[in-house]
């Protein structure tokens, strides 16, 4: 035999189907979709395949895309790899028929004119499915060089309702009375010809995501073109996020960067215009304009206070200082009995002074205080808490907002958009939101303590990407790991915890073929 390589080992294919799987830890995510009601929610809301008596169902296609995200696939074509995992596809086929009566099983089998050979949809079937989320009537309204967000069609709206159902399930299992909403946008670079240029000069899309910090969930995410400014229609997006918050939430907080510093949004929060939640306490970044700099310059040197960080129960000084600023924009003083807005400035000494005779344009706002030059940042709030606590509370959003977008774009498939159609890409992004939220629930309420801070890379290595063999015995599938594998006890514990999530009387049947 000709040597395959340098070292003494060879690769060979099994001559027959062996039941081997490289994803022995993926079926618990399928089980979580059942327990959390995702399956029933898809059947109730999504009607892309409604009325079709042949072919794939909404449940089968959506679940295939969610599982593809969790498994690490980042494009539609990766479904071919998932399909070739013989062991996992055996589990998927068996679970699809779980709970179906004999008549329903026959109806499911009759959806195929010929013998069904695939367990997951083909890439071409998925592309056709995603195309149904596009809204051609809205696309025709586009105008050159104008920010425009196409209105979602009924299918795209249904994805939002499915996510709302999931939030209600999470709230029942882990009740939270408060919701701190962090609103942020992120650039998704693309080479699609139809994509528009963002503010950095590259072709991008720019979804706006509203994150619920207490539940570690994406409450709302709107897919946008790259040329849509980050401050475009933020109040509408906030209202839509408030509408999906489940019962039991009685107090809402809001955090945003300078893009959220819009008088309509701040008035809505401060004046209690939300019928359900009343006053929404917020902290939002402030643009360091010439007017704001003049107000900061009037702060006495003795009024600047050191910004301290708490480390191991001790207060440690940072290199920053803060002070309250007497800054009153015209829109905040339009009536005497209006809400009070507090403005804070944060400054940080530049360690390297500007070289004499060299004028440089710094990438951040700066000011000179005497002979020293500082970075300067601003905040506006309606909260009545000490300034240093407010600053640290507001900064809680900064790293987290960037982190969830990084997870959605890099760890999941959100960074690889599949289509030239805007609506199809929006649906693909929605599937990424589903996968993010289900993985968050898995970490917080199902996996044992210590798994919550782990990224998907670590979860795949230690839990999902496990080698196993799927065998059938006494009408039951068995996923067999290698002897003594440390993940065995973990999988048993995860399934035990999952059963506790399903209360008595809740449906846990995966009915993929029913209309």
Protein backbone atom coordinates (compact mmCIF):
# COMPACT_ATOMS: atom_id res chain seq x y z
CA UNK A 1 0.00 0.00 0.00
CA UNK A 2 1.14 3.50 -0.76
CA UNK A 3 1.83 5.51 2.37
CA UNK A 4 -0.68 8.29 3.07
CA UNK A 5 1.77 10.44 4.95
CA UNK A 6 4.97 10.50 6.96
CA UNK A 7 3.79 9.12 10.32
CA UNK A 8 2.61 5.52 10.77
CA UNK A 9 -1.19 5.89 10.61
CA UNK A 10 -3.85 5.67 7.88
CA UNK A 11 -7.34 7.00 7.21
CA UNK A 12 -10.09 4.69 6.01
CA UNK A 13 -13.87 4.99 5.61
CA UNK A 14 -16.30 2.57 7.21
CA UNK A 15 -17.70 0.34 4.43
CA UNK A 16 -21.19 0.52 5.95
CA UNK A 17 -23.17 2.95 8.10
CA UNK A 18 -21.58 2.74 11.52
CA UNK A 19 -23.67 5.08 13.66
CA UNK A 20 -20.58 7.07 14.58
CA UNK A 21 -21.04 10.70 15.54
CA UNK A 22 -18.72 13.59 16.28
CA UNK A 23 -21.58 15.49 17.95
CA UNK A 24 -22.62 13.27 20.84
CA UNK A 25 -23.24 16.39 22.96
CA UNK A 26 -25.57 18.08 20.46
CA UNK A 27 -28.78 16.07 21.16
CA UNK A 28 -29.26 17.82 24.57
CA UNK A 29 -29.69 21.09 22.63
CA UNK A 30 -32.40 19.38 20.62
CA UNK A 31 -33.99 18.25 23.87
CA UNK A 32 -33.75 21.79 25.26
CA UNK A 33 -35.64 23.08 22.21
CA UNK A 34 -38.44 20.69 23.09
CA UNK A 35 -38.47 21.47 26.81
CA UNK A 36 -38.35 25.25 26.24
CA UNK A 37 -41.30 25.15 23.83
CA UNK A 38 -39.33 26.26 20.77
CA UNK A 39 -40.83 23.48 18.67
CA UNK A 40 -44.42 24.33 19.54
CA UNK A 41 -43.70 28.05 19.13
CA UNK A 42 -42.34 27.54 15.61
CA UNK A 43 -45.41 25.51 14.67
CA UNK A 44 -47.71 28.18 16.10
CA UNK A 45 -46.13 31.27 14.55
CA UNK A 46 -44.13 30.38 11.44
CA UNK A 47 -46.24 29.65 8.37
CA UNK A 48 -43.69 29.68 5.54
CA UNK A 49 -44.44 26.03 4.74
CA UNK A 50 -48.07 26.22 5.84
CA UNK A 51 -50.40 24.48 3.43
CA UNK A 52 -47.61 22.58 1.73
CA UNK A 53 -48.27 18.88 1.96
CA UNK A 54 -44.85 17.94 0.67
CA UNK A 55 -41.29 18.75 1.61
CA UNK A 56 -39.68 20.12 4.73
CA UNK A 57 -41.63 21.80 7.50
CA UNK A 58 -40.83 25.09 9.24
CA UNK A 59 -39.82 23.19 12.36
CA UNK A 60 -37.36 20.96 10.54
CA UNK A 61 -35.65 23.80 8.69
CA UNK A 62 -35.43 26.21 11.63
CA UNK A 63 -34.16 23.51 13.98
CA UNK A 64 -31.55 22.43 11.42
CA UNK A 65 -30.24 26.00 11.25
CA UNK A 66 -30.22 26.48 15.03
CA UNK A 67 -28.37 23.18 15.53
CA UNK A 68 -25.97 24.11 12.73
CA UNK A 69 -25.14 27.33 14.60
CA UNK A 70 -24.56 25.53 17.88
CA UNK A 71 -22.44 22.83 16.23
CA UNK A 72 -20.13 25.44 14.72
CA UNK A 73 -21.31 25.66 11.11
CA UNK A 74 -21.15 29.15 9.66
CA UNK A 75 -22.75 28.83 6.22
CA UNK A 76 -25.70 27.06 4.59
CA UNK A 77 -23.38 24.66 2.79
CA UNK A 78 -22.20 23.29 6.15
CA UNK A 79 -25.50 21.41 6.31
CA UNK A 80 -23.79 18.86 4.08
CA UNK A 81 -21.35 18.11 6.90
CA UNK A 82 -24.16 17.81 9.43
CA UNK A 83 -25.98 15.45 7.08
CA UNK A 84 -22.93 13.17 6.86
CA UNK A 85 -22.82 12.68 10.64
CA UNK A 86 -24.54 9.31 10.60
CA UNK A 87 -25.04 9.00 14.34
CA UNK A 88 -26.58 12.42 14.87
CA UNK A 89 -28.90 12.12 11.88
CA UNK A 90 -30.17 8.82 13.31
CA UNK A 91 -31.07 10.65 16.52
CA UNK A 92 -32.70 13.49 14.59
CA UNK A 93 -34.89 11.15 12.52
CA UNK A 94 -35.97 9.19 15.61
CA UNK A 95 -36.82 12.32 17.60
CA UNK A 96 -38.90 13.76 14.77
CA UNK A 97 -41.39 10.92 15.16
CA UNK A 98 -41.48 11.09 18.96
CA UNK A 99 -45.02 11.51 20.27
CA UNK A 100 -46.74 11.19 16.89
CA UNK A 101 -49.76 8.95 16.49
CA UNK A 102 -49.75 6.35 13.72
CA UNK A 103 -51.83 8.55 11.40
CA UNK A 104 -49.51 11.50 11.94
CA UNK A 105 -46.48 9.31 11.24
CA UNK A 106 -47.99 8.25 7.92
CA UNK A 107 -48.74 11.88 7.03
CA UNK A 108 -45.16 12.78 7.85
CA UNK A 109 -43.82 9.99 5.65
CA UNK A 110 -46.18 10.95 2.80
CA UNK A 111 -44.63 14.42 2.58
CA UNK A 112 -42.03 12.80 0.33
CA UNK A 113 -42.95 11.41 -3.10
CA UNK A 114 -39.86 9.22 -3.04
CA UNK A 115 -38.04 7.64 -0.15
CA UNK A 116 -36.61 10.35 2.08
CA UNK A 117 -32.83 10.16 2.11
CA UNK A 118 -31.86 13.26 4.13
CA UNK A 119 -32.23 14.05 7.81
CA UNK A 120 -31.59 17.79 7.41
CA UNK A 121 -32.64 20.05 4.54
CA UNK A 122 -30.34 20.50 1.58
CA UNK A 123 -28.64 23.89 1.10
CA UNK A 124 -30.87 24.62 -1.91
CA UNK A 125 -34.02 23.97 0.17
CA UNK A 126 -32.75 26.32 2.88
CA UNK A 127 -31.97 29.08 0.37
CA UNK A 128 -35.52 28.81 -0.98
CA UNK A 129 -36.87 28.93 2.56
CA UNK A 130 -34.86 32.01 3.54
CA UNK A 131 -36.00 33.81 0.39
CA UNK A 132 -39.57 33.76 1.77
CA UNK A 133 -38.50 36.24 4.47
CA UNK A 134 -37.69 38.92 1.90
CA UNK A 135 -40.17 41.74 1.32
CA UNK A 136 -39.94 42.83 -2.35
CA UNK A 137 -42.59 45.52 -1.92
CA UNK A 138 -40.44 47.24 0.71
CA UNK A 139 -37.24 46.79 -1.25
CA UNK A 140 -38.81 48.78 -4.08
CA UNK A 141 -39.07 51.79 -1.75
CA UNK A 142 -35.31 52.17 -1.37
CA UNK A 143 -33.80 55.50 -2.40
CA UNK A 144 -30.13 56.09 -3.14
CA UNK A 145 -28.04 57.47 -0.28
CA UNK A 146 -30.92 57.44 2.19
CA UNK A 147 -31.17 55.42 5.39
CA UNK A 148 -34.00 52.95 5.05
CA UNK A 149 -35.17 49.95 7.07
CA UNK A 150 -37.52 47.68 5.08
CA UNK A 151 -40.65 46.74 7.00
CA UNK A 152 -40.50 43.03 7.90
CA UNK A 153 -43.00 40.73 6.22
CA UNK A 154 -45.23 38.40 8.24
CA UNK A 155 -42.64 35.61 8.33
CA UNK A 156 -39.89 37.87 9.68
CA UNK A 157 -42.29 39.24 12.30
CA UNK A 158 -43.07 35.65 13.31
CA UNK A 159 -39.41 35.09 14.21
CA UNK A 160 -39.72 37.89 16.76
CA UNK A 161 -42.82 36.27 18.26
CA UNK A 162 -40.98 32.96 18.59
CA UNK A 163 -38.19 34.73 20.49
CA UNK A 164 -40.80 36.40 22.71
CA UNK A 165 -42.23 32.99 23.61
CA UNK A 166 -38.77 31.84 24.62
CA UNK A 167 -38.24 34.89 26.85
CA UNK A 168 -41.49 34.09 28.63
CA UNK A 169 -40.31 30.52 29.23
CA UNK A 170 -37.00 31.75 30.65
CA UNK A 171 -38.84 34.22 32.89
CA UNK A 172 -41.02 31.43 34.29
CA UNK A 173 -37.99 29.31 35.13
CA UNK A 174 -35.76 32.15 36.36
CA UNK A 175 -37.99 35.10 37.36
CA UNK A 176 -36.47 38.59 37.25
CA UNK A 177 -38.31 41.72 38.36
CA UNK A 178 -35.79 44.04 36.70
CA UNK A 179 -34.63 44.32 33.11
CA UNK A 180 -31.51 46.28 32.28
CA UNK A 181 -31.59 46.82 28.52
CA UNK A 182 -28.35 47.52 26.67
CA UNK A 183 -28.79 48.82 23.13
CA UNK A 184 -25.94 48.61 20.66
CA UNK A 185 -25.18 48.16 16.97
CA UNK A 186 -22.45 46.10 15.33
CA UNK A 187 -20.97 46.00 11.85
CA UNK A 188 -21.19 42.72 9.93
CA UNK A 189 -18.74 42.96 7.06
CA UNK A 190 -19.76 41.35 3.79
CA UNK A 191 -18.82 41.17 0.14
CA UNK A 192 -22.40 41.01 -1.12
CA UNK A 193 -22.82 43.27 -4.13
CA UNK A 194 -26.16 44.58 -2.83
CA UNK A 195 -24.74 45.54 0.58
CA UNK A 196 -24.27 49.23 1.33
CA UNK A 197 -21.26 51.05 2.71
CA UNK A 198 -21.01 51.74 6.44
CA UNK A 199 -19.34 54.61 8.23
CA UNK A 200 -15.93 52.89 8.09
CA UNK A 201 -16.05 52.75 4.30
CA UNK A 202 -16.63 48.99 3.96
CA UNK A 203 -19.69 47.11 2.74
CA UNK A 204 -21.56 46.00 5.84
CA UNK A 205 -24.84 45.32 7.51
CA UNK A 206 -25.43 46.88 10.92
CA UNK A 207 -27.97 45.08 13.15
CA UNK A 208 -29.15 46.82 16.31
CA UNK A 209 -29.46 44.50 19.30
CA UNK A 210 -31.17 45.04 22.65
CA UNK A 211 -29.66 42.81 25.32
CA UNK A 212 -31.40 41.87 28.61
CA UNK A 213 -28.53 41.77 31.10
CA UNK A 214 -30.24 39.98 34.00
CA UNK A 215 -31.27 37.04 31.83
CA UNK A 216 -28.23 37.13 29.52
CA UNK A 217 -30.62 37.07 26.57
CA UNK A 218 -31.12 39.02 23.35
CA UNK A 219 -34.57 40.53 23.81
CA UNK A 220 -34.76 42.15 20.38
CA UNK A 221 -32.53 42.51 17.34
CA UNK A 222 -33.27 44.44 14.16
CA UNK A 223 -31.28 43.72 11.02
CA UNK A 224 -30.20 46.89 9.18
CA UNK A 225 -28.21 48.04 6.18
CA UNK A 226 -24.71 49.32 6.75
CA UNK A 227 -25.56 52.91 5.82
CA UNK A 228 -28.25 53.22 8.51
CA UNK A 229 -26.87 55.47 11.27
CA UNK A 230 -26.57 53.97 14.74
CA UNK A 231 -28.88 56.69 16.08
CA UNK A 232 -31.68 56.00 13.58
CA UNK A 233 -35.11 55.26 15.13
CA UNK A 234 -33.65 54.10 18.45
CA UNK A 235 -36.80 54.99 20.36
CA UNK A 236 -38.93 52.74 18.14
CA UNK A 237 -36.50 49.86 18.69
CA UNK A 238 -36.61 50.43 22.45
CA UNK A 239 -40.42 50.36 22.43
CA UNK A 240 -40.38 47.09 20.50
CA UNK A 241 -37.94 45.60 23.02
CA UNK A 242 -40.16 46.73 25.92
CA UNK A 243 -43.14 45.06 24.26
CA UNK A 244 -41.51 41.60 24.34
CA UNK A 245 -40.50 41.72 28.00
CA UNK A 246 -42.51 39.02 29.80
CA UNK A 247 -44.82 39.39 32.77
CA UNK A 248 -43.09 39.76 36.11
CA UNK A 249 -40.74 42.52 34.95
CA UNK A 250 -41.74 45.65 36.85
CA UNK A 251 -38.68 47.88 36.54
CA UNK A 252 -36.65 48.69 33.44
CA UNK A 253 -33.24 50.35 33.17
CA UNK A 254 -31.60 51.49 29.95
CA UNK A 255 -27.95 51.90 28.99
CA UNK A 256 -26.63 53.18 25.69
CA UNK A 257 -23.71 54.89 24.00
CA UNK A 258 -23.78 58.31 22.37
CA UNK A 259 -25.98 56.99 19.55
CA UNK A 260 -28.83 56.71 22.06
CA UNK A 261 -28.43 60.34 23.16
CA UNK A 262 -31.59 61.57 21.47
CA UNK A 263 -33.98 63.95 23.14
CA UNK A 264 -37.07 61.96 22.12
CA UNK A 265 -35.66 58.78 23.65
CA UNK A 266 -34.42 60.45 26.83
CA UNK A 267 -37.73 62.26 27.33
CA UNK A 268 -39.66 59.05 26.79
CA UNK A 269 -37.64 57.37 29.55
CA UNK A 270 -37.40 60.28 32.01
CA UNK A 271 -41.01 61.45 31.70
CA UNK A 272 -42.46 57.98 32.25
CA UNK A 273 -44.23 57.78 28.90
CA UNK A 274 -44.17 53.99 28.94
CA UNK A 275 -47.66 52.95 30.06
CA UNK A 276 -46.38 49.66 31.45
CA UNK A 277 -43.09 50.60 33.09
CA UNK A 278 -43.37 54.33 33.80
CA UNK A 279 -40.06 56.09 34.36
CA UNK A 280 -37.11 54.21 32.90
CA UNK A 281 -33.85 55.06 34.62
CA UNK A 282 -30.99 55.41 32.16
CA UNK A 283 -27.37 56.33 31.57
CA UNK A 284 -26.35 57.33 28.07
CA UNK A 285 -23.12 58.61 26.55
CA UNK A 286 -22.80 62.28 25.64
CA UNK A 287 -21.08 63.71 22.59
CA UNK A 288 -18.21 65.94 23.74
CA UNK A 289 -19.25 69.01 21.77
CA UNK A 290 -17.82 72.51 22.05
CA UNK A 291 -20.72 73.47 24.36
CA UNK A 292 -20.08 70.46 26.60
CA UNK A 293 -16.34 71.26 26.71
CA UNK A 294 -17.11 74.83 27.84
CA UNK A 295 -19.23 73.45 30.69
CA UNK A 296 -16.48 71.00 31.67
CA UNK A 297 -13.88 73.78 31.63
CA UNK A 298 -15.89 75.65 34.28
CA UNK A 299 -15.53 72.78 36.79
CA UNK A 300 -13.21 73.77 39.62
CA UNK A 301 -10.10 71.61 40.00
CA UNK A 302 -11.13 70.67 43.54
CA UNK A 303 -14.47 69.26 42.31
CA UNK A 304 -12.84 66.43 40.36
CA UNK A 305 -13.08 63.17 42.30
CA UNK A 306 -10.97 60.05 41.76
CA UNK A 307 -12.77 57.15 40.12
CA UNK A 308 -12.11 54.11 42.26
CA UNK A 309 -12.58 50.44 41.44
CA UNK A 310 -13.45 47.78 44.01
CA UNK A 311 -11.01 44.85 43.89
CA UNK A 312 -11.26 42.02 46.45
CA UNK A 313 -13.26 44.26 48.78
CA UNK A 314 -10.73 47.11 48.59
CA UNK A 315 -11.09 50.43 46.79
CA UNK A 316 -8.35 50.99 44.25
CA UNK A 317 -7.81 54.27 42.42
CA UNK A 318 -7.86 54.28 38.64
CA UNK A 319 -6.24 56.84 36.36
CA UNK A 320 -9.57 58.58 35.81
CA UNK A 321 -11.51 61.32 37.61
CA UNK A 322 -15.13 62.39 37.41
CA UNK A 323 -17.21 65.47 38.19
CA UNK A 324 -20.80 66.61 37.78
CA UNK A 325 -21.14 69.28 35.09
CA UNK A 326 -23.57 72.19 34.97
CA UNK A 327 -24.71 71.55 31.42
CA UNK A 328 -28.29 72.38 30.47
CA UNK A 329 -29.20 71.85 26.80
CA UNK A 330 -32.20 73.84 25.64
CA UNK A 331 -34.42 70.77 25.20
CA UNK A 332 -34.04 69.78 28.89
CA UNK A 333 -35.42 73.10 30.13
CA UNK A 334 -38.60 73.37 28.10
CA UNK A 335 -40.82 73.20 31.21
CA UNK A 336 -40.27 73.97 34.89
CA UNK A 337 -41.65 70.75 36.33
CA UNK A 338 -39.80 68.48 33.91
CA UNK A 339 -37.46 65.68 34.99
CA UNK A 340 -33.90 66.41 36.10
CA UNK A 341 -31.02 65.34 33.90
CA UNK A 342 -27.58 64.99 35.47
CA UNK A 343 -24.47 65.38 33.31
CA UNK A 344 -21.16 63.85 34.31
CA UNK A 345 -17.70 64.25 32.81
CA UNK A 346 -14.89 61.70 33.09
CA UNK A 347 -11.31 62.67 32.35
CA UNK A 348 -8.14 60.59 32.00
CA UNK A 349 -4.63 62.06 31.90
CA UNK A 350 -2.75 61.45 28.66
CA UNK A 351 0.55 59.90 29.68
CA UNK A 352 2.39 61.05 26.58
CA UNK A 353 2.24 64.77 26.01
CA UNK A 354 1.88 66.21 22.55
CA UNK A 355 5.22 66.90 20.90
CA UNK A 356 6.02 70.64 20.48
CA UNK A 357 5.15 71.93 17.04
CA UNK A 358 3.38 68.70 16.04
CA UNK A 359 -0.36 68.98 15.60
CA UNK A 360 -2.05 65.58 15.77
CA UNK A 361 -5.70 64.61 15.42
CA UNK A 362 -6.52 62.30 18.31
CA UNK A 363 -9.14 59.58 17.74
CA UNK A 364 -10.98 60.58 20.93
CA UNK A 365 -12.14 63.88 22.47
CA UNK A 366 -9.57 65.65 24.61
CA UNK A 367 -9.19 68.84 26.65
CA UNK A 368 -6.37 70.76 28.26
CA UNK A 369 -6.50 71.59 31.98
CA UNK A 370 -3.58 73.87 32.68
CA UNK A 371 -0.51 72.25 31.16
CA UNK A 372 -2.02 68.78 31.16
CA UNK A 373 -4.07 67.15 28.46
CA UNK A 374 -6.87 64.68 29.20
CA UNK A 375 -9.19 62.33 27.40
CA UNK A 376 -12.76 63.45 28.12
CA UNK A 377 -16.01 61.48 28.10
CA UNK A 378 -19.55 62.44 29.07
CA UNK A 379 -22.67 60.80 30.51
CA UNK A 380 -26.26 61.91 31.00
CA UNK A 381 -28.61 60.22 33.44
CA UNK A 382 -31.86 60.60 35.35
CA UNK A 383 -30.68 58.30 38.16
CA UNK A 384 -30.02 59.66 41.65
CA UNK A 385 -27.04 57.56 42.64
CA UNK A 386 -23.41 58.57 43.33
CA UNK A 387 -21.50 59.47 40.21
CA UNK A 388 -18.85 56.78 40.54
CA UNK A 389 -21.48 54.04 40.95
CA UNK A 390 -23.33 55.36 37.92
CA UNK A 391 -20.18 55.28 35.81
CA UNK A 392 -19.39 51.66 36.72
CA UNK A 393 -23.02 50.67 36.20
CA UNK A 394 -23.03 52.23 32.73
CA UNK A 395 -19.73 50.58 31.84
CA UNK A 396 -21.31 47.22 32.56
CA UNK A 397 -22.79 47.42 29.05
CA UNK A 398 -19.60 48.24 27.18
CA UNK A 399 -17.75 44.94 27.15
CA UNK A 400 -20.92 42.85 27.23
CA UNK A 401 -22.53 44.43 24.19
CA UNK A 402 -19.37 43.89 22.18
CA UNK A 403 -19.07 40.35 23.55
CA UNK A 404 -22.53 39.18 22.50
CA UNK A 405 -22.05 40.59 19.01
CA UNK A 406 -18.67 38.87 18.79
CA UNK A 407 -20.28 35.59 19.84
CA UNK A 408 -23.07 35.98 17.30
CA UNK A 409 -20.69 36.90 14.47
CA UNK A 410 -17.70 34.65 15.23
CA UNK A 411 -18.80 31.78 17.48
CA UNK A 412 -22.16 31.46 15.70
CA UNK A 413 -23.00 32.03 12.04
CA UNK A 414 -24.15 35.67 12.18
CA UNK A 415 -20.95 36.95 10.57
CA UNK A 416 -21.42 34.92 7.36
CA UNK A 417 -24.55 36.13 5.62
CA UNK A 418 -25.91 33.76 2.96
CA UNK A 419 -27.84 35.84 0.44
CA UNK A 420 -28.07 39.01 -1.62
CA UNK A 421 -31.64 39.36 -0.33
CA UNK A 422 -31.99 41.63 2.69
CA UNK A 423 -34.88 39.64 4.20
CA UNK A 424 -33.06 36.32 3.84
CA UNK A 425 -30.05 37.74 5.69
CA UNK A 426 -32.36 39.15 8.36
CA UNK A 427 -33.87 35.68 8.86
CA UNK A 428 -30.39 34.14 9.05
CA UNK A 429 -29.50 36.70 11.74
CA UNK A 430 -32.73 35.77 13.56
CA UNK A 431 -31.67 32.10 13.62
CA UNK A 432 -28.40 33.25 15.16
CA UNK A 433 -30.37 35.02 17.91
CA UNK A 434 -32.27 31.78 18.58
CA UNK A 435 -28.99 29.86 18.89
CA UNK A 436 -27.43 32.51 21.16
CA UNK A 437 -30.39 32.53 23.55
CA UNK A 438 -30.63 28.73 23.73
CA UNK A 439 -26.94 28.41 24.46
CA UNK A 440 -27.27 31.09 27.15
CA UNK A 441 -30.12 29.14 28.77
CA UNK A 442 -28.09 25.94 28.55
CA UNK A 443 -25.17 27.59 30.37
CA UNK A 444 -27.22 29.30 33.08
CA UNK A 445 -29.89 26.74 33.98
CA UNK A 446 -28.82 23.35 32.62
CA UNK A 447 -25.06 22.95 32.64
CA UNK A 448 -23.48 22.66 36.13
CA UNK A 449 -21.94 25.60 37.97
CA UNK A 450 -18.78 26.87 36.36
CA UNK A 451 -19.97 26.60 32.76
CA UNK A 452 -21.84 29.92 32.67
CA UNK A 453 -18.86 32.17 31.78
CA UNK A 454 -17.52 29.80 29.12
CA UNK A 455 -17.56 30.76 25.46
CA UNK A 456 -18.91 28.40 22.81
CA UNK A 457 -15.39 27.34 21.88
CA UNK A 458 -14.93 25.76 25.32
CA UNK A 459 -18.46 24.30 25.36
CA UNK A 460 -17.94 22.65 21.98
CA UNK A 461 -14.61 21.17 23.07
CA UNK A 462 -15.85 19.82 26.41
CA UNK A 463 -19.52 19.06 25.75
CA UNK A 464 -20.77 19.18 22.14
CA UNK A 465 -17.99 17.74 19.97
CA UNK A 466 -17.87 14.31 21.60
CA UNK A 467 -17.18 11.13 19.68
CA UNK A 468 -19.80 8.45 20.15
CA UNK A 469 -21.67 5.61 18.49
CA UNK A 470 -25.45 5.56 18.09
CA UNK A 471 -27.02 2.10 18.32
CA UNK A 472 -30.61 0.91 18.43
CA UNK A 473 -31.78 -1.53 21.10
CA UNK A 474 -35.34 -2.40 22.15
CA UNK A 475 -36.81 0.46 20.05
CA UNK A 476 -34.58 2.95 21.83
CA UNK A 477 -31.53 4.81 20.63
CA UNK A 478 -28.39 4.64 22.73
CA UNK A 479 -25.51 7.11 22.33
CA UNK A 480 -22.43 5.29 23.53
CA UNK A 481 -19.25 7.14 24.52
CA UNK A 482 -15.84 5.60 25.01
CA UNK A 483 -15.35 3.93 28.37
CA UNK A 484 -14.45 6.25 31.23
CA UNK A 485 -15.06 9.42 29.20
CA UNK A 486 -15.36 12.38 31.65
CA UNK A 487 -18.31 13.82 29.70
CA UNK A 488 -20.57 10.85 30.47
CA UNK A 489 -21.49 12.01 33.99
CA UNK A 490 -21.89 15.56 32.67
CA UNK A 491 -24.39 14.45 30.02
CA UNK A 492 -26.40 12.49 32.59
CA UNK A 493 -26.48 15.51 34.92
CA UNK A 494 -27.53 17.82 32.08
CA UNK A 495 -30.47 15.59 31.15
CA UNK A 496 -31.53 15.36 34.79
CA UNK A 497 -31.48 19.15 35.11
CA UNK A 498 -33.39 19.46 31.85
CA UNK A 499 -36.24 17.34 33.20
CA UNK A 500 -36.64 19.71 36.14
CA UNK A 501 -37.17 22.60 33.68
CA UNK A 502 -40.25 20.89 32.30
CA UNK A 503 -43.11 21.44 34.76
CA UNK A 504 -45.96 18.98 35.10
CA UNK A 505 -48.50 19.45 32.33
CA UNK A 506 -46.13 21.17 29.91
CA UNK A 507 -45.90 19.53 26.50
CA UNK A 508 -42.51 18.05 25.71
CA UNK A 509 -43.35 16.38 22.42
CA UNK A 510 -41.40 17.18 19.31
CA UNK A 511 -44.03 17.10 16.61
CA UNK A 512 -42.20 18.13 13.47
CA UNK A 513 -44.71 17.15 10.85
CA UNK A 514 -47.97 18.50 12.21
CA UNK A 515 -49.29 21.67 10.63
